[in-house]
C-alpha cells in the first residue's frame, strides 16, 4: 500500500494546497514571486505524475490505492489550479467557462468509472485521456508562470494549450462516455 509510486502520488495531493497558497500570496499581497514559487511546486508535482505510474508499472507496484489516488491527484491539482487562475482575474486570461467544462467532464468521467466498477467493468485511461491530462498540466504551468521571463511571455502558449486541453477534454470525454455505454449495454444483456 505505501510504496514509492503511492508516496509520489500523495506528495502531488499535498502539493495542491501549497500551490494554491502561493497563488493566494500573489493575489492578496501582490507577492510577485508567489507565481514563480507556485510554478516550481506545480512543476515538481506534475513530474511526479509521470514517474509514479512509470515506477509502478516497471516495479510491479500497481495497487488499487494507486489506481484510485493517481487520477484523484490529477483532478485535485489541475482543477484547483485552473479555478485559482480564473479567480486571479482577467489579466491571467483564463475563461471560467473553459474551466467549468473541464471540471464537469472530470466529474462525469469519474462518476462513469465508479458505476462501471460497480458493474465489474474497468474504464481505463486511454491515450487521448492521457494527452488531455498532459495538455491540462502544461497549460496550467504556463499560465501560472504568468510573468515574462527574459522578454518571453508564457501566457499565449498557456492559453493555446488551454484551448487544446479543452478540445481533448471534450473528445476524450465523449470517448469515455461511448466506452461506458458499450460496457453498460453489454452488462444489461
C-alpha atoms as a PDB file:
ATOM      1  CA  UNK A   1       0.000   0.000   0.000  1.00  0.00           C
ATOM      2  CA  UNK A   2       2.686   2.533   0.959  1.00  0.00           C
ATOM      3  CA  UNK A   3       5.167   2.122  -1.845  1.00  0.00           C
ATOM      4  CA  UNK A   4       7.181   4.702  -3.770  1.00  0.00           C
ATOM      5  CA  UNK A   5       4.591   5.329  -6.535  1.00  0.00           C
ATOM      6  CA  UNK A   6       1.795   5.824  -3.998  1.00  0.00           C
ATOM      7  CA  UNK A   7       4.001   8.147  -1.918  1.00  0.00           C
ATOM      8  CA  UNK A   8       4.753  10.216  -5.040  1.00  0.00           C
ATOM      9  CA  UNK A   9       1.032  10.422  -5.751  1.00  0.00           C
ATOM     10  CA  UNK A  10       0.310  11.516  -2.177  1.00  0.00           C
ATOM     11  CA  UNK A  11       3.026  14.171  -2.495  1.00  0.00           C
ATOM     12  CA  UNK A  12       1.137  15.502  -5.533  1.00  0.00           C
ATOM     13  CA  UNK A  13      -2.042  15.709  -3.480  1.00  0.00           C
ATOM     14  CA  UNK A  14      -0.184  17.528  -0.689  1.00  0.00           C
ATOM     15  CA  UNK A  15       1.386  19.917  -3.218  1.00  0.00           C
ATOM     16  CA  UNK A  16      -2.052  21.170  -4.279  1.00  0.00           C
ATOM     17  CA  UNK A  17      -2.780  23.383  -1.238  1.00  0.00           C
ATOM     18  CA  UNK A  18       0.798  24.676  -1.326  1.00  0.00           C
ATOM     19  CA  UNK A  19       0.404  25.811  -4.949  1.00  0.00           C
ATOM     20  CA  UNK A  20      -2.932  27.445  -4.132  1.00  0.00           C
ATOM     21  CA  UNK A  21      -1.483  29.188  -1.058  1.00  0.00           C
ATOM     22  CA  UNK A  22       1.406  30.584  -3.122  1.00  0.00           C
ATOM     23  CA  UNK A  23      -1.019  31.895  -5.739  1.00  0.00           C
ATOM     24  CA  UNK A  24      -3.100  33.478  -2.971  1.00  0.00           C
ATOM     25  CA  UNK A  25       0.046  35.247  -1.732  1.00  0.00           C
ATOM     26  CA  UNK A  26       0.345  36.787  -5.165  1.00  0.00           C
ATOM     27  CA  UNK A  27      -3.329  37.721  -5.342  1.00  0.00           C
ATOM     28  CA  UNK A  28      -3.712  39.124  -1.818  1.00  0.00           C
ATOM     29  CA  UNK A  29      -0.309  40.672  -1.201  1.00  0.00           C
ATOM     30  CA  UNK A  30       0.925  41.271  -4.756  1.00  0.00           C
ATOM     31  CA  UNK A  31       3.844  38.964  -3.939  1.00  0.00           C
ATOM     32  CA  UNK A  32       5.168  38.677  -7.484  1.00  0.00           C
ATOM     33  CA  UNK A  33       7.299  35.658  -6.665  1.00  0.00           C
ATOM     34  CA  UNK A  34       4.240  33.751  -5.487  1.00  0.00           C
ATOM     35  CA  UNK A  35       3.521  32.581  -9.016  1.00  0.00           C
ATOM     36  CA  UNK A  36       7.179  31.640  -9.575  1.00  0.00           C
ATOM     37  CA  UNK A  37       7.194  29.564  -6.391  1.00  0.00           C
ATOM     38  CA  UNK A  38       3.786  28.099  -7.269  1.00  0.00           C
ATOM     39  CA  UNK A  39       5.143  27.150 -10.688  1.00  0.00           C
ATOM     40  CA  UNK A  40       8.113  25.375  -9.080  1.00  0.00           C
ATOM     41  CA  UNK A  41       5.918  23.306  -6.768  1.00  0.00           C
ATOM     42  CA  UNK A  42       3.426  22.646  -9.587  1.00  0.00           C
ATOM     43  CA  UNK A  43       6.215  21.549 -11.943  1.00  0.00           C
ATOM     44  CA  UNK A  44       7.627  19.076  -9.408  1.00  0.00           C
ATOM     45  CA  UNK A  45       4.112  17.753  -8.726  1.00  0.00           C
ATOM     46  CA  UNK A  46       3.475  17.240 -12.453  1.00  0.00           C
ATOM     47  CA  UNK A  47       6.797  15.431 -12.874  1.00  0.00           C
ATOM     48  CA  UNK A  48       5.821  13.028 -10.076  1.00  0.00           C
ATOM     49  CA  UNK A  49       2.719  12.173 -12.125  1.00  0.00           C
ATOM     50  CA  UNK A  50       4.985  10.848 -14.863  1.00  0.00           C
ATOM     51  CA  UNK A  51       7.217   8.903 -12.504  1.00  0.00           C
ATOM     52  CA  UNK A  52       4.625   7.364 -10.183  1.00  0.00           C
ATOM     53  CA  UNK A  53       2.931   5.444 -12.980  1.00  0.00           C
ATOM     54  CA  UNK A  54       6.172   4.510 -14.682  1.00  0.00           C
ATOM     55  CA  UNK A  55       7.719   3.168 -11.472  1.00  0.00           C
ATOM     56  CA  UNK A  56       4.512   1.327 -10.556  1.00  0.00           C
ATOM     57  CA  UNK A  57       4.458  -0.463 -13.923  1.00  0.00           C
ATOM     58  CA  UNK A  58       8.188  -1.205 -14.093  1.00  0.00           C
ATOM     59  CA  UNK A  59       8.473  -2.441 -10.499  1.00  0.00           C
ATOM     60  CA  UNK A  60       5.076  -4.204 -10.498  1.00  0.00           C
ATOM     61  CA  UNK A  61       3.873  -1.930  -7.677  1.00  0.00           C
ATOM     62  CA  UNK A  62       0.404  -1.236  -9.061  1.00  0.00           C
ATOM     63  CA  UNK A  63      -2.155  -1.117  -6.242  1.00  0.00           C
ATOM     64  CA  UNK A  64      -5.858  -0.385  -6.002  1.00  0.00           C
ATOM     65  CA  UNK A  65      -4.973   2.594  -3.816  1.00  0.00           C
ATOM     66  CA  UNK A  66      -2.695   3.915  -6.560  1.00  0.00           C
ATOM     67  CA  UNK A  67      -5.385   3.383  -9.198  1.00  0.00           C
ATOM     68  CA  UNK A  68      -7.728   5.484  -7.067  1.00  0.00           C
ATOM     69  CA  UNK A  69      -5.301   8.172  -5.885  1.00  0.00           C
ATOM     70  CA  UNK A  70      -3.486   8.884  -9.171  1.00  0.00           C
ATOM     71  CA  UNK A  71      -6.463  10.270 -11.114  1.00  0.00           C
ATOM     72  CA  UNK A  72      -7.720  11.959  -7.935  1.00  0.00           C
ATOM     73  CA  UNK A  73      -4.368  13.725  -7.532  1.00  0.00           C
ATOM     74  CA  UNK A  74      -4.510  14.889 -11.167  1.00  0.00           C
ATOM     75  CA  UNK A  75      -8.018  16.256 -10.779  1.00  0.00           C
ATOM     76  CA  UNK A  76      -7.243  18.000  -7.482  1.00  0.00           C
ATOM     77  CA  UNK A  77      -4.033  19.619  -8.698  1.00  0.00           C
ATOM     78  CA  UNK A  78      -5.144  20.667 -12.174  1.00  0.00           C
ATOM     79  CA  UNK A  79      -8.724  21.551 -11.210  1.00  0.00           C
ATOM     80  CA  UNK A  80      -7.635  23.624  -8.211  1.00  0.00           C
ATOM     81  CA  UNK A  81      -5.030  25.489 -10.243  1.00  0.00           C
ATOM     82  CA  UNK A  82      -7.474  26.254 -13.058  1.00  0.00           C
ATOM     83  CA  UNK A  83     -10.101  27.504 -10.603  1.00  0.00           C
ATOM     84  CA  UNK A  84      -7.485  29.642  -8.892  1.00  0.00           C
ATOM     85  CA  UNK A  85      -6.296  31.076 -12.213  1.00  0.00           C
ATOM     86  CA  UNK A  86      -9.862  32.153 -13.035  1.00  0.00           C
ATOM     87  CA  UNK A  87     -10.040  33.789  -9.610  1.00  0.00           C
ATOM     88  CA  UNK A  88      -6.763  35.641 -10.196  1.00  0.00           C
ATOM     89  CA  UNK A  89      -8.622  37.958 -12.551  1.00  0.00           C
ATOM     90  CA  UNK A  90      -8.859  38.981 -16.197  1.00  0.00           C
ATOM     91  CA  UNK A  91      -5.145  39.731 -16.502  1.00  0.00           C
ATOM     92  CA  UNK A  92      -4.496  35.988 -16.196  1.00  0.00           C
ATOM     93  CA  UNK A  93      -6.827  35.332 -19.171  1.00  0.00           C
ATOM     94  CA  UNK A  94      -8.330  32.022 -18.066  1.00  0.00           C
ATOM     95  CA  UNK A  95     -12.009  31.894 -19.113  1.00  0.00           C
ATOM     96  CA  UNK A  96     -14.268  30.456 -16.417  1.00  0.00           C
ATOM     97  CA  UNK A  97     -16.442  28.627 -18.958  1.00  0.00           C
ATOM     98  CA  UNK A  98     -13.465  26.553 -20.162  1.00  0.00           C
ATOM     99  CA  UNK A  99     -12.623  25.583 -16.594  1.00  0.00           C
ATOM    100  CA  UNK A 100     -16.268  24.669 -15.937  1.00  0.00           C
ATOM    101  CA  UNK A 101     -16.342  22.357 -18.973  1.00  0.00           C
ATOM    102  CA  UNK A 102     -13.073  20.714 -17.925  1.00  0.00           C
ATOM    103  CA  UNK A 103     -14.241  20.148 -14.353  1.00  0.00           C
ATOM    104  CA  UNK A 104     -17.692  18.881 -15.425  1.00  0.00           C
ATOM    105  CA  UNK A 105     -16.037  16.379 -17.766  1.00  0.00           C
ATOM    106  CA  UNK A 106     -13.733  15.190 -14.988  1.00  0.00           C
ATOM    107  CA  UNK A 107     -16.667  14.698 -12.622  1.00  0.00           C
ATOM    108  CA  UNK A 108     -18.719  12.903 -15.287  1.00  0.00           C
ATOM    109  CA  UNK A 109     -15.903  10.505 -16.201  1.00  0.00           C
ATOM    110  CA  UNK A 110     -15.181   9.831 -12.529  1.00  0.00           C
ATOM    111  CA  UNK A 111     -18.863   9.033 -11.998  1.00  0.00           C
ATOM    112  CA  UNK A 112     -18.936   6.746 -15.033  1.00  0.00           C
ATOM    113  CA  UNK A 113     -15.858   4.931 -13.770  1.00  0.00           C
ATOM    114  CA  UNK A 114     -17.491   4.417 -10.371  1.00  0.00           C
ATOM    115  CA  UNK A 115     -20.654   2.987 -11.951  1.00  0.00           C
ATOM    116  CA  UNK A 116     -18.591   0.787 -14.281  1.00  0.00           C
ATOM    117  CA  UNK A 117     -16.616  -0.506 -11.289  1.00  0.00           C
ATOM    118  CA  UNK A 118     -19.897  -1.432  -9.583  1.00  0.00           C
ATOM    119  CA  UNK A 119     -20.759  -3.449 -12.708  1.00  0.00           C
ATOM    120  CA  UNK A 120     -17.382  -5.184 -12.518  1.00  0.00           C
ATOM    121  CA  UNK A 121     -16.060  -3.266 -15.526  1.00  0.00           C
ATOM    122  CA  UNK A 122     -12.975  -1.102 -15.811  1.00  0.00           C
ATOM    123  CA  UNK A 123     -12.940   2.073 -17.890  1.00  0.00           C
ATOM    124  CA  UNK A 124      -9.196   2.517 -18.267  1.00  0.00           C
ATOM    125  CA  UNK A 125      -7.430   5.699 -19.281  1.00  0.00           C
ATOM    126  CA  UNK A 126      -6.725   5.802 -22.999  1.00  0.00           C
ATOM    127  CA  UNK A 127      -4.064   7.694 -24.936  1.00  0.00           C
ATOM    128  CA  UNK A 128      -6.411  10.585 -25.647  1.00  0.00           C
ATOM    129  CA  UNK A 129      -7.215  10.902 -21.944  1.00  0.00           C
ATOM    130  CA  UNK A 130      -3.507  10.913 -21.140  1.00  0.00           C
ATOM    131  CA  UNK A 131      -2.889  13.554 -23.833  1.00  0.00           C
ATOM    132  CA  UNK A 132      -5.697  15.611 -22.266  1.00  0.00           C
ATOM    133  CA  UNK A 133      -4.043  15.413 -18.858  1.00  0.00           C
ATOM    134  CA  UNK A 134      -0.695  16.430 -20.360  1.00  0.00           C
ATOM    135  CA  UNK A 135      -2.264  19.407 -22.177  1.00  0.00           C
ATOM    136  CA  UNK A 136      -4.075  20.490 -18.996  1.00  0.00           C
ATOM    137  CA  UNK A 137      -0.873  20.164 -16.948  1.00  0.00           C
ATOM    138  CA  UNK A 138       1.202  22.144 -19.436  1.00  0.00           C
ATOM    139  CA  UNK A 139      -1.482  24.820 -19.792  1.00  0.00           C
ATOM    140  CA  UNK A 140      -1.663  25.200 -16.022  1.00  0.00           C
ATOM    141  CA  UNK A 141       2.109  25.506 -15.776  1.00  0.00           C
ATOM    142  CA  UNK A 142       2.496  28.147 -18.472  1.00  0.00           C
ATOM    143  CA  UNK A 143      -0.476  30.099 -17.126  1.00  0.00           C
ATOM    144  CA  UNK A 144       0.862  30.003 -13.560  1.00  0.00           C
ATOM    145  CA  UNK A 145       4.226  31.311 -14.753  1.00  0.00           C
ATOM    146  CA  UNK A 146       2.369  34.423 -15.963  1.00  0.00           C
ATOM    147  CA  UNK A 147       5.184  36.999 -15.918  1.00  0.00           C
ATOM    148  CA  UNK A 148       7.520  37.491 -18.882  1.00  0.00           C
ATOM    149  CA  UNK A 149      10.902  35.887 -18.397  1.00  0.00           C
ATOM    150  CA  UNK A 150      13.871  37.196 -20.397  1.00  0.00           C
ATOM    151  CA  UNK A 151      11.414  39.003 -22.676  1.00  0.00           C
ATOM    152  CA  UNK A 152       9.285  35.899 -23.342  1.00  0.00           C
ATOM    153  CA  UNK A 153       5.634  35.904 -22.275  1.00  0.00           C
ATOM    154  CA  UNK A 154       4.452  32.339 -21.498  1.00  0.00           C
ATOM    155  CA  UNK A 155       0.750  33.266 -21.385  1.00  0.00           C
ATOM    156  CA  UNK A 156      -0.040  32.917 -25.121  1.00  0.00           C
ATOM    157  CA  UNK A 157       1.421  29.403 -25.104  1.00  0.00           C
ATOM    158  CA  UNK A 158      -0.528  28.614 -21.931  1.00  0.00           C
ATOM    159  CA  UNK A 159      -3.740  29.922 -23.490  1.00  0.00           C
ATOM    160  CA  UNK A 160      -3.164  27.884 -26.650  1.00  0.00           C
ATOM    161  CA  UNK A 161      -2.547  24.781 -24.559  1.00  0.00           C
ATOM    162  CA  UNK A 162      -5.707  25.516 -22.565  1.00  0.00           C
ATOM    163  CA  UNK A 163      -7.718  25.546 -25.809  1.00  0.00           C
ATOM    164  CA  UNK A 164      -6.036  22.279 -26.852  1.00  0.00           C
ATOM    165  CA  UNK A 165      -6.854  20.852 -23.421  1.00  0.00           C
ATOM    166  CA  UNK A 166     -10.490  21.907 -23.881  1.00  0.00           C
ATOM    167  CA  UNK A 167     -10.730  20.118 -27.241  1.00  0.00           C
ATOM    168  CA  UNK A 168      -9.045  16.978 -25.881  1.00  0.00           C
ATOM    169  CA  UNK A 169     -11.237  17.149 -22.768  1.00  0.00           C
ATOM    170  CA  UNK A 170     -14.448  17.137 -24.810  1.00  0.00           C
ATOM    171  CA  UNK A 171     -13.301  14.468 -27.288  1.00  0.00           C
ATOM    172  CA  UNK A 172     -11.860  12.129 -24.653  1.00  0.00           C
ATOM    173  CA  UNK A 173     -14.961  12.642 -22.505  1.00  0.00           C
ATOM    174  CA  UNK A 174     -17.077  11.554 -25.469  1.00  0.00           C
ATOM    175  CA  UNK A 175     -14.851   8.505 -25.945  1.00  0.00           C
ATOM    176  CA  UNK A 176     -15.223   7.536 -22.286  1.00  0.00           C
ATOM    177  CA  UNK A 177     -18.990   8.025 -22.497  1.00  0.00           C
ATOM    178  CA  UNK A 178     -19.167   5.796 -25.584  1.00  0.00           C
ATOM    179  CA  UNK A 179     -16.953   3.141 -23.951  1.00  0.00           C
ATOM    180  CA  UNK A 180     -19.064   3.253 -20.798  1.00  0.00           C
ATOM    181  CA  UNK A 181     -22.270   2.964 -22.829  1.00  0.00           C
ATOM    182  CA  UNK A 182     -20.914  -0.133 -24.636  1.00  0.00           C
ATOM    183  CA  UNK A 183     -19.988  -1.757 -21.313  1.00  0.00           C
ATOM    184  CA  UNK A 184     -23.359  -0.836 -19.808  1.00  0.00           C
ATOM    185  CA  UNK A 185     -25.256  -2.337 -22.782  1.00  0.00           C
ATOM    186  CA  UNK A 186     -23.068  -5.461 -22.658  1.00  0.00           C
ATOM    187  CA  UNK A 187     -23.767  -5.808 -18.944  1.00  0.00           C
ATOM    188  CA  UNK A 188     -27.533  -5.380 -19.482  1.00  0.00           C
ATOM    189  CA  UNK A 189     -27.642  -8.386 -21.833  1.00  0.00           C
END
